[in-house]
Amino acid sequence: MVIPFSRAKASTQPGGEFAELALPLFDSLYNFACWLAHDRVDAEDLVQETYAKALKGFPLFQAGTNFRAWIFRILRNTFLNTRTGLAASQTIALEDEEALENVPAAVTRETPETILFERVNQDVIQGAIEKLAFPFREVLLLADVEEMPYREIADALAIPVGTVMSRLARARRVLRCELQDKVVRA
């Protein structure tokens, strides 16, 4: 996806204020879109559509409110309303071996054995996250992967903060139980 503005010229071009707020969030939006869509191409389309909708709706954005939560809500709603959205995420798909090969290994000393353990663990963790019900998965990803505060998650998902905390606690408990005996140690 090509981003049409440079940061240096963002404030002088039309949509400059939008670019200053939106461009720093690109990586986080794309990462969240990848988790939601389970496909890099669909994630790119989702982020592109999110930026288009956000730019179009930017005049309605209330200055002083949380832009990050606002644009994440647009991404989430766009996902839920597309063919790759909630209905599609509830179908069972076979894992794409090529996608698993593109997951970087976070190993300091790579040996065939540590690479194998890391890949097995990544598959197990990703599988456990994907087994979570959608409301729990999205809260877990926003909190633990995107490191959003509870208030921002609540704003992005249009739910109370208490619901965020409850869903996150339940998601973590289910994940812990699922992974307890399955993670391989080197």
C-alpha atoms as a PDB file:
ATOM      1  CA  MET A   1       0.000   0.000   0.000  1.00  0.00           C
ATOM      2  CA  VAL A   2       1.451   3.355  -0.986  1.00  0.00           C
ATOM      3  CA  ILE A   3       0.925   6.187   1.468  1.00  0.00           C
ATOM      4  CA  PRO A   4       0.398   9.451  -0.446  1.00  0.00           C
ATOM      5  CA  PHE A   5       1.840  11.900   2.099  1.00  0.00           C
ATOM      6  CA  SER A   6       5.257  12.386   3.591  1.00  0.00           C
ATOM      7  CA  ARG A   7       5.345  13.416   7.245  1.00  0.00           C
ATOM      8  CA  ALA A   8       7.442  16.475   6.512  1.00  0.00           C
ATOM      9  CA  LYS A   9       4.828  17.907   4.131  1.00  0.00           C
ATOM     10  CA  ALA A  10       1.777  16.519   5.916  1.00  0.00           C
ATOM     11  CA  SER A  11       0.625  19.734   7.568  1.00  0.00           C
ATOM     12  CA  THR A  12       0.939  21.826   4.383  1.00  0.00           C
ATOM     13  CA  GLN A  13      -0.998  19.469   2.109  1.00  0.00           C
ATOM     14  CA  PRO A  14      -4.764  18.967   2.045  1.00  0.00           C
ATOM     15  CA  GLY A  15      -5.573  16.361   4.706  1.00  0.00           C
ATOM     16  CA  GLY A  16      -2.305  17.182   6.481  1.00  0.00           C
ATOM     17  CA  GLU A  17      -3.791  17.111   9.957  1.00  0.00           C
ATOM     18  CA  PHE A  18      -5.323  13.720   9.185  1.00  0.00           C
ATOM     19  CA  ALA A  19      -1.978  12.420   7.927  1.00  0.00           C
ATOM     20  CA  GLU A  20      -0.199  13.601  11.085  1.00  0.00           C
ATOM     21  CA  LEU A  21      -2.663  11.670  13.233  1.00  0.00           C
ATOM     22  CA  ALA A  22      -3.165   8.610  11.006  1.00  0.00           C
ATOM     23  CA  LEU A  23       0.258   7.739   9.597  1.00  0.00           C
ATOM     24  CA  PRO A  24       1.894   6.852  12.924  1.00  0.00           C
ATOM     25  CA  LEU A  25      -0.873   4.282  13.457  1.00  0.00           C
ATOM     26  CA  PHE A  26      -0.326   2.461  10.158  1.00  0.00           C
ATOM     27  CA  ASP A  27       1.764  -0.425  11.565  1.00  0.00           C
ATOM     28  CA  SER A  28      -0.640  -1.015  14.475  1.00  0.00           C
ATOM     29  CA  LEU A  29      -3.674  -0.926  12.196  1.00  0.00           C
ATOM     30  CA  TYR A  30      -2.037  -3.298   9.721  1.00  0.00           C
ATOM     31  CA  ASN A  31      -0.983  -5.713  12.474  1.00  0.00           C
ATOM     32  CA  PHE A  32      -4.495  -5.780  13.931  1.00  0.00           C
ATOM     33  CA  ALA A  33      -5.986  -6.186  10.441  1.00  0.00           C
ATOM     34  CA  CYS A  34      -3.678  -9.173   9.796  1.00  0.00           C
ATOM     35  CA  TRP A  35      -4.906 -10.856  12.961  1.00  0.00           C
ATOM     36  CA  LEU A  36      -8.520 -10.184  12.087  1.00  0.00           C
ATOM     37  CA  ALA A  37      -8.420 -11.084   8.402  1.00  0.00           C
ATOM     38  CA  HIS A  38      -5.881 -13.959   8.593  1.00  0.00           C
ATOM     39  CA  ASP A  39      -4.591 -12.876   5.192  1.00  0.00           C
ATOM     40  CA  ARG A  40      -2.037 -10.198   4.347  1.00  0.00           C
ATOM     41  CA  VAL A  41      -3.758  -9.128   1.129  1.00  0.00           C
ATOM     42  CA  ASP A  42      -7.130  -8.813   2.858  1.00  0.00           C
ATOM     43  CA  ALA A  43      -5.415  -6.941   5.711  1.00  0.00           C
ATOM     44  CA  GLU A  44      -3.880  -4.472   3.238  1.00  0.00           C
ATOM     45  CA  ASP A  45      -7.296  -3.936   1.651  1.00  0.00           C
ATOM     46  CA  LEU A  46      -8.860  -3.524   5.082  1.00  0.00           C
ATOM     47  CA  VAL A  47      -6.322  -0.899   6.152  1.00  0.00           C
ATOM     48  CA  GLN A  48      -6.659   0.934   2.852  1.00  0.00           C
ATOM     49  CA  GLU A  49     -10.436   0.998   3.180  1.00  0.00           C
ATOM     50  CA  THR A  50     -10.105   2.119   6.801  1.00  0.00           C
ATOM     51  CA  TYR A  51      -7.909   5.053   5.813  1.00  0.00           C
ATOM     52  CA  ALA A  52     -10.299   5.990   2.988  1.00  0.00           C
ATOM     53  CA  LYS A  53     -13.316   5.932   5.319  1.00  0.00           C
ATOM     54  CA  ALA A  54     -11.446   7.763   8.060  1.00  0.00           C
ATOM     55  CA  LEU A  55     -10.276  10.497   5.673  1.00  0.00           C
ATOM     56  CA  LYS A  56     -13.790  10.892   4.300  1.00  0.00           C
ATOM     57  CA  GLY A  57     -15.240  11.073   7.819  1.00  0.00           C
ATOM     58  CA  PHE A  58     -12.424  13.173   9.288  1.00  0.00           C
ATOM     59  CA  PRO A  59     -14.459  16.414   9.224  1.00  0.00           C
ATOM     60  CA  LEU A  60     -16.841  14.701  11.676  1.00  0.00           C
ATOM     61  CA  PHE A  61     -14.008  13.698  14.028  1.00  0.00           C
ATOM     62  CA  GLN A  62     -14.200  15.729  17.231  1.00  0.00           C
ATOM     63  CA  ALA A  63     -10.864  17.361  18.011  1.00  0.00           C
ATOM     64  CA  GLY A  64      -9.618  16.473  21.473  1.00  0.00           C
ATOM     65  CA  THR A  65     -11.148  13.002  21.455  1.00  0.00           C
ATOM     66  CA  ASN A  66      -9.178   9.799  21.026  1.00  0.00           C
ATOM     67  CA  PHE A  67      -8.182   9.528  17.339  1.00  0.00           C
ATOM     68  CA  ARG A  68      -6.529   6.131  17.823  1.00  0.00           C
ATOM     69  CA  ALA A  69      -9.704   4.587  19.244  1.00  0.00           C
ATOM     70  CA  TRP A  70     -11.757   6.282  16.501  1.00  0.00           C
ATOM     71  CA  ILE A  71      -9.697   4.848  13.631  1.00  0.00           C
ATOM     72  CA  PHE A  72      -9.468   1.389  15.251  1.00  0.00           C
ATOM     73  CA  ARG A  73     -13.262   1.409  15.524  1.00  0.00           C
ATOM     74  CA  ILE A  74     -13.490   2.220  11.813  1.00  0.00           C
ATOM     75  CA  LEU A  75     -11.126  -0.684  11.046  1.00  0.00           C
ATOM     76  CA  ARG A  76     -13.117  -3.079  13.229  1.00  0.00           C
ATOM     77  CA  ASN A  77     -16.472  -2.029  11.789  1.00  0.00           C
ATOM     78  CA  THR A  78     -15.099  -2.256   8.256  1.00  0.00           C
ATOM     79  CA  PHE A  79     -13.842  -5.763   9.009  1.00  0.00           C
ATOM     80  CA  LEU A  80     -17.175  -6.837  10.479  1.00  0.00           C
ATOM     81  CA  ASN A  81     -19.010  -5.531   7.418  1.00  0.00           C
ATOM     82  CA  THR A  82     -16.818  -7.205   4.788  1.00  0.00           C
ATOM     83  CA  ARG A  83     -16.682 -10.696   3.335  1.00  0.00           C
ATOM     84  CA  THR A  84     -13.607 -11.362   5.484  1.00  0.00           C
ATOM     85  CA  GLY A  85     -15.410 -10.228   8.606  1.00  0.00           C
ATOM     86  CA  LEU A  86     -17.093 -11.970  11.487  1.00  0.00           C
ATOM     87  CA  ALA A  87     -19.026 -14.550   9.468  1.00  0.00           C
ATOM     88  CA  ALA A  88     -15.919 -15.507   7.533  1.00  0.00           C
ATOM     89  CA  SER A  89     -13.801 -15.653  10.703  1.00  0.00           C
ATOM     90  CA  GLN A  90     -16.163 -18.224  12.162  1.00  0.00           C
ATOM     91  CA  THR A  91     -15.511 -20.666   9.330  1.00  0.00           C
ATOM     92  CA  ILE A  92     -12.780 -23.278   9.593  1.00  0.00           C
ATOM     93  CA  ALA A  93      -9.837 -22.664   7.277  1.00  0.00           C
ATOM     94  CA  LEU A  94      -6.781 -24.784   6.616  1.00  0.00           C
ATOM     95  CA  GLU A  95      -3.505 -23.191   7.652  1.00  0.00           C
ATOM     96  CA  ASP A  96      -1.445 -21.786   4.831  1.00  0.00           C
ATOM     97  CA  GLU A  97       2.091 -23.176   5.138  1.00  0.00           C
ATOM     98  CA  GLU A  98       3.507 -20.193   3.273  1.00  0.00           C
ATOM     99  CA  ALA A  99       2.032 -17.764   5.806  1.00  0.00           C
ATOM    100  CA  LEU A 100       3.575 -19.740   8.661  1.00  0.00           C
ATOM    101  CA  GLU A 101       6.996 -19.586   7.005  1.00  0.00           C
ATOM    102  CA  ASN A 102       6.791 -15.779   6.918  1.00  0.00           C
ATOM    103  CA  VAL A 103       6.404 -15.526  10.698  1.00  0.00           C
ATOM    104  CA  PRO A 104       9.740 -14.304  12.034  1.00  0.00           C
ATOM    105  CA  ALA A 105      11.400 -16.418  14.709  1.00  0.00           C
ATOM    106  CA  ALA A 106      12.430 -14.495  17.815  1.00  0.00           C
ATOM    107  CA  VAL A 107      15.352 -16.748  18.716  1.00  0.00           C
ATOM    108  CA  THR A 108      18.726 -15.370  19.728  1.00  0.00           C
ATOM    109  CA  ARG A 109      20.667 -18.539  18.946  1.00  0.00           C
ATOM    110  CA  GLU A 110      19.177 -20.411  16.045  1.00  0.00           C
ATOM    111  CA  THR A 111      19.757 -24.114  15.797  1.00  0.00           C
ATOM    112  CA  PRO A 112      17.535 -26.570  13.984  1.00  0.00           C
ATOM    113  CA  GLU A 113      16.140 -27.646  17.337  1.00  0.00           C
ATOM    114  CA  THR A 114      15.360 -24.114  18.587  1.00  0.00           C
ATOM    115  CA  ILE A 115      13.824 -23.206  15.217  1.00  0.00           C
ATOM    116  CA  LEU A 116      11.574 -26.261  15.433  1.00  0.00           C
ATOM    117  CA  PHE A 117      10.524 -25.471  19.014  1.00  0.00           C
ATOM    118  CA  GLU A 118       9.852 -21.841  18.096  1.00  0.00           C
ATOM    119  CA  ARG A 119       7.711 -22.771  15.086  1.00  0.00           C
ATOM    120  CA  VAL A 120       5.760 -25.331  17.105  1.00  0.00           C
ATOM    121  CA  ASN A 121       5.161 -22.761  19.862  1.00  0.00           C
ATOM    122  CA  GLN A 122       4.094 -20.068  17.380  1.00  0.00           C
ATOM    123  CA  ASP A 123       1.654 -22.480  15.765  1.00  0.00           C
ATOM    124  CA  VAL A 124       0.272 -23.529  19.143  1.00  0.00           C
ATOM    125  CA  ILE A 125      -0.095 -19.946  20.399  1.00  0.00           C
ATOM    126  CA  GLN A 126      -1.603 -18.684  17.154  1.00  0.00           C
ATOM    127  CA  GLY A 127      -3.980 -21.636  17.080  1.00  0.00           C
ATOM    128  CA  ALA A 128      -5.038 -21.010  20.670  1.00  0.00           C
ATOM    129  CA  ILE A 129      -5.686 -17.325  19.949  1.00  0.00           C
ATOM    130  CA  GLU A 130      -7.686 -18.212  16.855  1.00  0.00           C
ATOM    131  CA  LYS A 131      -9.834 -20.616  18.891  1.00  0.00           C
ATOM    132  CA  LEU A 132     -10.961 -17.778  21.150  1.00  0.00           C
ATOM    133  CA  ALA A 133     -14.429 -16.421  20.471  1.00  0.00           C
ATOM    134  CA  PHE A 134     -14.205 -13.256  18.384  1.00  0.00           C
ATOM    135  CA  PRO A 135     -15.123 -10.774  21.195  1.00  0.00           C
ATOM    136  CA  PHE A 136     -12.401 -12.231  23.431  1.00  0.00           C
ATOM    137  CA  ARG A 137      -9.819 -12.442  20.636  1.00  0.00           C
ATOM    138  CA  GLU A 138     -10.215  -8.813  19.567  1.00  0.00           C
ATOM    139  CA  VAL A 139      -9.894  -7.524  23.156  1.00  0.00           C
ATOM    140  CA  LEU A 140      -6.831  -9.720  23.766  1.00  0.00           C
ATOM    141  CA  LEU A 141      -5.140  -8.526  20.575  1.00  0.00           C
ATOM    142  CA  LEU A 142      -5.818  -4.857  21.264  1.00  0.00           C
ATOM    143  CA  ALA A 143      -4.636  -5.115  24.867  1.00  0.00           C
ATOM    144  CA  ASP A 144      -1.677  -7.476  24.617  1.00  0.00           C
ATOM    145  CA  VAL A 145      -0.455  -7.074  21.047  1.00  0.00           C
ATOM    146  CA  GLU A 146      -1.323  -3.436  20.329  1.00  0.00           C
ATOM    147  CA  GLU A 147      -0.868  -2.460  24.005  1.00  0.00           C
ATOM    148  CA  MET A 148      -3.912  -0.216  24.002  1.00  0.00           C
ATOM    149  CA  PRO A 149      -5.180   0.980  27.385  1.00  0.00           C
ATOM    150  CA  TYR A 150      -8.578  -0.315  28.526  1.00  0.00           C
ATOM    151  CA  ARG A 151     -10.286   3.052  27.891  1.00  0.00           C
ATOM    152  CA  GLU A 152      -9.062   3.117  24.262  1.00  0.00           C
ATOM    153  CA  ILE A 153     -10.216  -0.457  23.722  1.00  0.00           C
ATOM    154  CA  ALA A 154     -13.616   0.414  25.189  1.00  0.00           C
ATOM    155  CA  ASP A 155     -13.868   3.420  22.878  1.00  0.00           C
ATOM    156  CA  ALA A 156     -12.729   1.440  19.829  1.00  0.00           C
ATOM    157  CA  LEU A 157     -15.180  -1.403  20.452  1.00  0.00           C
ATOM    158  CA  ALA A 158     -18.011   0.761  21.848  1.00  0.00           C
ATOM    159  CA  ILE A 159     -18.274  -1.310  25.036  1.00  0.00           C
ATOM    160  CA  PRO A 160     -17.862  -0.394  28.728  1.00  0.00           C
ATOM    161  CA  VAL A 161     -14.402  -0.570  30.319  1.00  0.00           C
ATOM    162  CA  GLY A 162     -15.666  -3.242  32.711  1.00  0.00           C
ATOM    163  CA  THR A 163     -16.611  -5.422  29.749  1.00  0.00           C
ATOM    164  CA  VAL A 164     -13.118  -4.952  28.317  1.00  0.00           C
ATOM    165  CA  MET A 165     -11.567  -6.049  31.598  1.00  0.00           C
ATOM    166  CA  SER A 166     -13.919  -9.024  31.924  1.00  0.00           C
ATOM    167  CA  ARG A 167     -13.357 -10.217  28.349  1.00  0.00           C
ATOM    168  CA  LEU A 168      -9.607  -9.799  28.678  1.00  0.00           C
ATOM    169  CA  ALA A 169      -9.493 -11.782  31.932  1.00  0.00           C
ATOM    170  CA  ARG A 170     -11.589 -14.570  30.408  1.00  0.00           C
ATOM    171  CA  ALA A 171      -9.513 -14.609  27.201  1.00  0.00           C
ATOM    172  CA  ARG A 172      -6.264 -14.851  29.154  1.00  0.00           C
ATOM    173  CA  ARG A 173      -7.658 -17.631  31.367  1.00  0.00           C
ATOM    174  CA  VAL A 174      -8.838 -19.663  28.357  1.00  0.00           C
ATOM    175  CA  LEU A 175      -5.512 -19.079  26.615  1.00  0.00           C
ATOM    176  CA  ARG A 176      -3.553 -20.106  29.715  1.00  0.00           C
ATOM    177  CA  CYS A 177      -5.561 -23.319  30.036  1.00  0.00           C
ATOM    178  CA  GLU A 178      -5.195 -24.056  26.331  1.00  0.00           C
ATOM    179  CA  LEU A 179      -1.416 -23.520  26.367  1.00  0.00           C
ATOM    180  CA  GLN A 180      -0.591 -25.026  29.756  1.00  0.00           C
ATOM    181  CA  ASP A 181       0.663 -28.370  28.505  1.00  0.00           C
ATOM    182  CA  LYS A 182       1.202 -27.576  24.830  1.00  0.00           C
ATOM    183  CA  VAL A 183       4.113 -25.125  24.736  1.00  0.00           C
ATOM    184  CA  VAL A 184       7.396 -26.860  23.992  1.00  0.00           C
ATOM    185  CA  ARG A 185      10.457 -25.789  25.990  1.00  0.00           C
ATOM    186  CA  ALA A 186      13.928 -25.931  24.437  1.00  0.00           C
END
